[in-house]
PDB file of all heavy atoms in Angstrom:
ATOM      1  N   GLY A   1      99.647 134.200 -75.194  1.00  0.00           N
ATOM      2  CA  GLY A   1      99.757 135.356 -74.209  1.00  0.00           C
ATOM      3  C   GLY A   1      99.245 135.001 -72.865  1.00  0.00           C
ATOM      4  O   GLY A   1      99.443 135.817 -71.935  1.00  0.00           O
ATOM      5  N   ASN A   2      98.609 133.877 -72.657  1.00  0.00           N
ATOM      6  CA  ASN A   2      98.147 133.424 -71.391  1.00  0.00           C
ATOM      7  C   ASN A   2      99.277 132.723 -70.593  1.00  0.00           C
ATOM      8  O   ASN A   2      99.026 132.293 -69.475  1.00  0.00           O
ATOM      9  CB  ASN A   2      96.894 132.508 -71.498  1.00  0.00           C
ATOM     10  CG  ASN A   2      95.700 133.206 -72.094  1.00  0.00           C
ATOM     11  OD1 ASN A   2      95.432 134.341 -71.705  1.00  0.00           O
ATOM     12  ND2 ASN A   2      95.026 132.593 -73.042  1.00  0.00           N
ATOM     13  N   ASP A   3     100.425 132.497 -71.242  1.00  0.00           N
ATOM     14  CA  ASP A   3     101.530 131.845 -70.578  1.00  0.00           C
ATOM     15  C   ASP A   3     102.228 132.771 -69.523  1.00  0.00           C
ATOM     16  O   ASP A   3     102.071 133.957 -69.569  1.00  0.00           O
ATOM     17  CB  ASP A   3     102.516 131.359 -71.646  1.00  0.00           C
ATOM     18  CG  ASP A   3     101.946 130.356 -72.597  1.00  0.00           C
ATOM     19  OD1 ASP A   3     100.902 129.749 -72.224  1.00  0.00           O
ATOM     20  OD2 ASP A   3     102.540 130.147 -73.616  1.00  0.00           O
ATOM     21  N   GLY A   4     103.054 132.134 -68.755  1.00  0.00           N
ATOM     22  CA  GLY A   4     103.870 132.892 -67.916  1.00  0.00           C
ATOM     23  C   GLY A   4     103.393 133.002 -66.478  1.00  0.00           C
ATOM     24  O   GLY A   4     102.216 132.606 -66.227  1.00  0.00           O
ATOM     25  N   ALA A   5     104.192 133.549 -65.601  1.00  0.00           N
ATOM     26  CA  ALA A   5     103.849 133.658 -64.211  1.00  0.00           C
ATOM     27  C   ALA A   5     103.447 135.113 -63.820  1.00  0.00           C
ATOM     28  O   ALA A   5     102.410 135.605 -64.357  1.00  0.00           O
ATOM     29  CB  ALA A   5     105.044 133.152 -63.336  1.00  0.00           C
ATOM     30  N   PHE A   6     104.167 135.750 -62.931  1.00  0.00           N
ATOM     31  CA  PHE A   6     103.831 137.027 -62.630  1.00  0.00           C
ATOM     32  C   PHE A   6     105.046 137.952 -62.419  1.00  0.00           C
ATOM     33  O   PHE A   6     106.146 137.370 -62.362  1.00  0.00           O
ATOM     34  CB  PHE A   6     102.929 137.070 -61.275  1.00  0.00           C
ATOM     35  CG  PHE A   6     103.765 136.548 -60.060  1.00  0.00           C
ATOM     36  CD1 PHE A   6     104.390 137.407 -59.174  1.00  0.00           C
ATOM     37  CD2 PHE A   6     103.842 135.246 -59.840  1.00  0.00           C
ATOM     38  CE1 PHE A   6     105.047 136.965 -58.090  1.00  0.00           C
ATOM     39  CE2 PHE A   6     104.525 134.699 -58.744  1.00  0.00           C
ATOM     40  CZ  PHE A   6     105.123 135.623 -57.894  1.00  0.00           C
ATOM     41  N   LEU A   7     104.900 139.155 -62.328  1.00  0.00           N
ATOM     42  CA  LEU A   7     105.981 140.117 -62.128  1.00  0.00           C
ATOM     43  C   LEU A   7     105.582 141.379 -61.334  1.00  0.00           C
ATOM     44  O   LEU A   7     104.410 141.607 -61.156  1.00  0.00           O
ATOM     45  CB  LEU A   7     106.591 140.566 -63.522  1.00  0.00           C
ATOM     46  CG  LEU A   7     105.610 141.026 -64.538  1.00  0.00           C
ATOM     47  CD1 LEU A   7     105.494 142.602 -64.453  1.00  0.00           C
ATOM     48  CD2 LEU A   7     106.212 140.732 -65.991  1.00  0.00           C
ATOM     49  N   GLY A   8     106.508 142.260 -61.054  1.00  0.00           N
ATOM     50  CA  GLY A   8     106.181 143.471 -60.432  1.00  0.00           C
ATOM     51  C   GLY A   8     106.518 144.618 -61.420  1.00  0.00           C
ATOM     52  O   GLY A   8     107.559 144.637 -62.060  1.00  0.00           O
ATOM     53  N   VAL A   9     105.635 145.598 -61.533  1.00  0.00           N
ATOM     54  CA  VAL A   9     105.878 146.797 -62.284  1.00  0.00           C
ATOM     55  C   VAL A   9     106.222 147.846 -61.230  1.00  0.00           C
ATOM     56  O   VAL A   9     105.349 148.245 -60.469  1.00  0.00           O
ATOM     57  CB  VAL A   9     104.764 147.197 -63.202  1.00  0.00           C
ATOM     58  CG1 VAL A   9     105.132 148.501 -63.998  1.00  0.00           C
ATOM     59  CG2 VAL A   9     104.337 146.096 -64.140  1.00  0.00           C
ATOM     60  N   ALA A  10     107.463 148.319 -61.229  1.00  0.00           N
ATOM     61  CA  ALA A  10     107.902 149.310 -60.260  1.00  0.00           C
ATOM     62  C   ALA A  10     107.329 150.684 -60.608  1.00  0.00           C
ATOM     63  O   ALA A  10     106.853 150.986 -61.745  1.00  0.00           O
ATOM     64  CB  ALA A  10     109.425 149.345 -60.220  1.00  0.00           C
ATOM     65  N   PRO A  11     107.422 151.660 -59.639  1.00  0.00           N
ATOM     66  CA  PRO A  11     106.888 152.956 -59.902  1.00  0.00           C
ATOM     67  C   PRO A  11     107.437 153.631 -61.169  1.00  0.00           C
ATOM     68  O   PRO A  11     106.728 154.349 -61.904  1.00  0.00           O
ATOM     69  CB  PRO A  11     107.264 153.793 -58.627  1.00  0.00           C
ATOM     70  CG  PRO A  11     107.202 152.706 -57.537  1.00  0.00           C
ATOM     71  CD  PRO A  11     107.805 151.433 -58.191  1.00  0.00           C
ATOM     72  N   ASN A  12     108.753 153.439 -61.442  1.00  0.00           N
ATOM     73  CA  ASN A  12     109.256 154.014 -62.718  1.00  0.00           C
ATOM     74  C   ASN A  12     108.605 153.429 -63.894  1.00  0.00           C
ATOM     75  O   ASN A  12     108.353 154.134 -64.892  1.00  0.00           O
ATOM     76  CB  ASN A  12     110.773 153.828 -62.683  1.00  0.00           C
ATOM     77  CG  ASN A  12     111.238 152.411 -62.460  1.00  0.00           C
ATOM     78  OD1 ASN A  12     111.004 151.850 -61.390  1.00  0.00           O
ATOM     79  ND2 ASN A  12     112.001 151.819 -63.392  1.00  0.00           N
ATOM     80  N   GLY A  13     108.220 152.138 -63.861  1.00  0.00           N
ATOM     81  CA  GLY A  13     107.542 151.597 -65.019  1.00  0.00           C
ATOM     82  C   GLY A  13     106.147 152.028 -64.998  1.00  0.00           C
ATOM     83  O   GLY A  13     105.512 152.307 -66.142  1.00  0.00           O
ATOM     84  N   MET A  14     105.496 152.087 -63.881  1.00  0.00           N
ATOM     85  CA  MET A  14     104.025 152.527 -63.833  1.00  0.00           C
ATOM     86  C   MET A  14     103.896 153.952 -64.386  1.00  0.00           C
ATOM     87  O   MET A  14     102.949 154.323 -65.014  1.00  0.00           O
ATOM     88  CB  MET A  14     103.508 152.470 -62.426  1.00  0.00           C
ATOM     89  CG  MET A  14     103.273 151.003 -61.856  1.00  0.00           C
ATOM     90  SD  MET A  14     102.206 150.024 -62.868  1.00  0.00           S
ATOM     91  CE  MET A  14     100.634 151.019 -62.713  1.00  0.00           C
ATOM     92  N   ASN A  15     104.914 154.761 -64.058  1.00  0.00           N
ATOM     93  CA  ASN A  15     104.857 156.170 -64.561  1.00  0.00           C
ATOM     94  C   ASN A  15     104.991 156.239 -66.134  1.00  0.00           C
ATOM     95  O   ASN A  15     104.439 157.185 -66.720  1.00  0.00           O
ATOM     96  CB  ASN A  15     105.876 157.037 -63.898  1.00  0.00           C
ATOM     97  CG  ASN A  15     105.441 157.405 -62.449  1.00  0.00           C
ATOM     98  OD1 ASN A  15     104.259 157.713 -62.258  1.00  0.00           O
ATOM     99  ND2 ASN A  15     106.405 157.486 -61.582  1.00  0.00           N
ATOM    100  N   VAL A  16     105.766 155.257 -66.696  1.00  0.00           N
ATOM    101  CA  VAL A  16     105.740 155.237 -68.202  1.00  0.00           C
ATOM    102  C   VAL A  16     104.336 154.755 -68.739  1.00  0.00           C
ATOM    103  O   VAL A  16     103.873 155.314 -69.645  1.00  0.00           O
ATOM    104  CB  VAL A  16     106.873 154.149 -68.623  1.00  0.00           C
ATOM    105  CG1 VAL A  16     106.750 153.957 -70.175  1.00  0.00           C
ATOM    106  CG2 VAL A  16     108.228 154.666 -68.307  1.00  0.00           C
ATOM    107  N   LEU A  17     103.724 153.881 -67.962  1.00  0.00           N
ATOM    108  CA  LEU A  17     102.399 153.457 -68.374  1.00  0.00           C
ATOM    109  C   LEU A  17     101.396 154.606 -68.198  1.00  0.00           C
ATOM    110  O   LEU A  17     100.493 154.747 -69.116  1.00  0.00           O
ATOM    111  CB  LEU A  17     101.942 152.312 -67.612  1.00  0.00           C
ATOM    112  CG  LEU A  17     102.713 150.956 -67.671  1.00  0.00           C
ATOM    113  CD1 LEU A  17     102.142 149.869 -66.798  1.00  0.00           C
ATOM    114  CD2 LEU A  17     102.763 150.525 -69.108  1.00  0.00           C
ATOM    115  N   ASP A  18     101.655 155.500 -67.302  1.00  0.00           N
ATOM    116  CA  ASP A  18     100.893 156.792 -67.158  1.00  0.00           C
ATOM    117  C   ASP A  18     101.054 157.610 -68.374  1.00  0.00           C
ATOM    118  O   ASP A  18     100.051 158.132 -68.937  1.00  0.00           O
ATOM    119  CB  ASP A  18     101.190 157.391 -65.896  1.00  0.00           C
ATOM    120  CG  ASP A  18     100.182 158.420 -65.488  1.00  0.00           C
ATOM    121  OD1 ASP A  18      98.974 158.267 -65.773  1.00  0.00           O
ATOM    122  OD2 ASP A  18     100.568 159.429 -64.847  1.00  0.00           O
ATOM    123  N   GLU A  19     102.289 157.824 -68.771  1.00  0.00           N
ATOM    124  CA  GLU A  19     102.614 158.580 -69.974  1.00  0.00           C
ATOM    125  C   GLU A  19     101.948 157.982 -71.198  1.00  0.00           C
ATOM    126  O   GLU A  19     101.584 158.689 -72.150  1.00  0.00           O
ATOM    127  CB  GLU A  19     104.085 158.694 -70.193  1.00  0.00           C
ATOM    128  CG  GLU A  19     104.831 159.451 -69.140  1.00  0.00           C
ATOM    129  CD  GLU A  19     104.588 160.865 -69.072  1.00  0.00           C
ATOM    130  OE1 GLU A  19     104.493 161.495 -70.214  1.00  0.00           O
ATOM    131  OE2 GLU A  19     104.418 161.514 -68.048  1.00  0.00           O
ATOM    132  N   ALA A  20     101.923 156.658 -71.284  1.00  0.00           N
ATOM    133  CA  ALA A  20     101.257 155.936 -72.362  1.00  0.00           C
ATOM    134  C   ALA A  20      99.764 155.944 -72.371  1.00  0.00           C
ATOM    135  O   ALA A  20      99.055 155.496 -73.345  1.00  0.00           O
ATOM    136  CB  ALA A  20     101.799 154.536 -72.525  1.00  0.00           C
ATOM    137  N   GLY A  21      99.157 156.311 -71.206  1.00  0.00           N
ATOM    138  CA  GLY A  21      97.647 156.279 -71.084  1.00  0.00           C
ATOM    139  C   GLY A  21      97.109 154.948 -70.731  1.00  0.00           C
ATOM    140  O   GLY A  21      95.875 154.724 -70.939  1.00  0.00           O
ATOM    141  N   VAL A  22      97.962 154.008 -70.226  1.00  0.00           N
ATOM    142  CA  VAL A  22      97.451 152.659 -69.908  1.00  0.00           C
ATOM    143  C   VAL A  22      97.600 152.326 -68.496  1.00  0.00           C
ATOM    144  O   VAL A  22      97.377 151.191 -68.062  1.00  0.00           O
ATOM    145  CB  VAL A  22      98.153 151.594 -70.824  1.00  0.00           C
ATOM    146  CG1 VAL A  22      97.757 151.725 -72.277  1.00  0.00           C
ATOM    147  CG2 VAL A  22      99.649 151.647 -70.696  1.00  0.00           C
ATOM    148  N   ARG A  23      97.992 153.271 -67.573  1.00  0.00           N
ATOM    149  CA  ARG A  23      98.203 153.025 -66.198  1.00  0.00           C
ATOM    150  C   ARG A  23      96.933 152.448 -65.563  1.00  0.00           C
ATOM    151  O   ARG A  23      96.919 151.421 -64.807  1.00  0.00           O
ATOM    152  CB  ARG A  23      98.643 154.253 -65.442  1.00  0.00           C
ATOM    153  CG  ARG A  23      98.689 154.087 -63.972  1.00  0.00           C
ATOM    154  CD  ARG A  23      99.196 155.279 -63.269  1.00  0.00           C
ATOM    155  NE  ARG A  23      98.802 155.330 -61.876  1.00  0.00           N
ATOM    156  CZ  ARG A  23      99.181 156.301 -60.968  1.00  0.00           C
ATOM    157  NH1 ARG A  23      99.951 157.296 -61.411  1.00  0.00           N
ATOM    158  NH2 ARG A  23      98.872 156.243 -59.750  1.00  0.00           N
ATOM    159  N   ALA A  24      95.773 153.062 -65.819  1.00  0.00           N
ATOM    160  CA  ALA A  24      94.571 152.632 -65.257  1.00  0.00           C
ATOM    161  C   ALA A  24      94.173 151.249 -65.648  1.00  0.00           C
ATOM    162  O   ALA A  24      93.674 150.433 -64.790  1.00  0.00           O
ATOM    163  CB  ALA A  24      93.428 153.666 -65.590  1.00  0.00           C
ATOM    164  N   ALA A  25      94.331 150.962 -66.870  1.00  0.00           N
ATOM    165  CA  ALA A  25      94.036 149.592 -67.339  1.00  0.00           C
ATOM    166  C   ALA A  25      94.902 148.502 -66.638  1.00  0.00           C
ATOM    167  O   ALA A  25      94.458 147.439 -66.322  1.00  0.00           O
ATOM    168  CB  ALA A  25      94.213 149.522 -68.891  1.00  0.00           C
ATOM    169  N   VAL A  26      96.184 148.860 -66.328  1.00  0.00           N
ATOM    170  CA  VAL A  26      97.100 147.899 -65.681  1.00  0.00           C
ATOM    171  C   VAL A  26      96.726 147.858 -64.194  1.00  0.00           C
ATOM    172  O   VAL A  26      96.705 146.709 -63.630  1.00  0.00           O
ATOM    173  CB  VAL A  26      98.561 148.322 -65.968  1.00  0.00           C
ATOM    174  CG1 VAL A  26      99.458 147.528 -65.086  1.00  0.00           C
ATOM    175  CG2 VAL A  26      98.871 148.050 -67.372  1.00  0.00           C
ATOM    176  N   GLU A  27      96.401 149.015 -63.549  1.00  0.00           N
ATOM    177  CA  GLU A  27      96.083 148.962 -62.193  1.00  0.00           C
ATOM    178  C   GLU A  27      94.779 148.091 -61.919  1.00  0.00           C
ATOM    179  O   GLU A  27      94.668 147.514 -60.893  1.00  0.00           O
ATOM    180  CB  GLU A  27      95.904 150.420 -61.606  1.00  0.00           C
ATOM    181  CG  GLU A  27      97.276 151.071 -61.484  1.00  0.00           C
ATOM    182  CD  GLU A  27      97.026 152.512 -60.954  1.00  0.00           C
ATOM    183  OE1 GLU A  27      95.910 153.109 -61.143  1.00  0.00           O
ATOM    184  OE2 GLU A  27      97.936 153.056 -60.349  1.00  0.00           O
ATOM    185  N   ALA A  28      93.943 148.146 -62.905  1.00  0.00           N
ATOM    186  CA  ALA A  28      92.696 147.428 -62.729  1.00  0.00           C
ATOM    187  C   ALA A  28      92.865 145.869 -62.673  1.00  0.00           C
ATOM    188  O   ALA A  28      91.953 145.211 -62.123  1.00  0.00           O
ATOM    189  CB  ALA A  28      91.711 147.708 -63.907  1.00  0.00           C
ATOM    190  N   VAL A  29      93.956 145.382 -63.169  1.00  0.00           N
ATOM    191  CA  VAL A  29      94.259 143.912 -63.159  1.00  0.00           C
ATOM    192  C   VAL A  29      95.471 143.594 -62.357  1.00  0.00           C
ATOM    193  O   VAL A  29      96.058 142.482 -62.542  1.00  0.00           O
ATOM    194  CB  VAL A  29      94.340 143.354 -64.585  1.00  0.00           C
ATOM    195  CG1 VAL A  29      93.009 143.421 -65.351  1.00  0.00           C
ATOM    196  CG2 VAL A  29      95.322 144.111 -65.435  1.00  0.00           C
ATOM    197  N   SER A  30      95.896 144.507 -61.503  1.00  0.00           N
ATOM    198  CA  SER A  30      97.075 144.181 -60.682  1.00  0.00           C
ATOM    199  C   SER A  30      96.757 144.537 -59.201  1.00  0.00           C
ATOM    200  O   SER A  30      95.687 145.034 -58.858  1.00  0.00           O
ATOM    201  CB  SER A  30      98.233 145.059 -61.209  1.00  0.00           C
ATOM    202  OG  SER A  30      97.949 146.475 -61.053  1.00  0.00           O
ATOM    203  N   VAL A  31      97.737 144.284 -58.336  1.00  0.00           N
ATOM    204  CA  VAL A  31      97.558 144.380 -56.862  1.00  0.00           C
ATOM    205  C   VAL A  31      98.771 145.191 -56.343  1.00  0.00           C
ATOM    206  O   VAL A  31      99.912 144.971 -56.692  1.00  0.00           O
ATOM    207  CB  VAL A  31      97.526 142.974 -56.177  1.00  0.00           C
ATOM    208  CG1 VAL A  31      97.321 143.168 -54.696  1.00  0.00           C
ATOM    209  CG2 VAL A  31      96.377 142.183 -56.782  1.00  0.00           C
ATOM    210  N   ARG A  32      98.569 146.171 -55.524  1.00  0.00           N
ATOM    211  CA  ARG A  32      99.604 146.980 -54.903  1.00  0.00           C
ATOM    212  C   ARG A  32     100.365 146.161 -53.937  1.00  0.00           C
ATOM    213  O   ARG A  32      99.856 145.514 -53.069  1.00  0.00           O
ATOM    214  CB  ARG A  32      98.908 148.238 -54.291  1.00  0.00           C
ATOM    215  CG  ARG A  32      99.888 149.173 -53.457  1.00  0.00           C
ATOM    216  CD  ARG A  32     100.860 149.897 -54.372  1.00  0.00           C
ATOM    217  NE  ARG A  32     100.265 150.567 -55.492  1.00  0.00           N
ATOM    218  CZ  ARG A  32      99.620 151.765 -55.334  1.00  0.00           C
ATOM    219  NH1 ARG A  32      99.576 152.416 -54.149  1.00  0.00           N
ATOM    220  NH2 ARG A  32      98.997 152.347 -56.413  1.00  0.00           N
TER     221      ARG A  32
END
């Protein structure tokens, strides 16, 4: 799971993460 490069999570994806209750956890390790 440490493999790979990077990607962008678009607002439509971030809003799904919000529905799942994990948006804050993802924002804590990402950059706007």
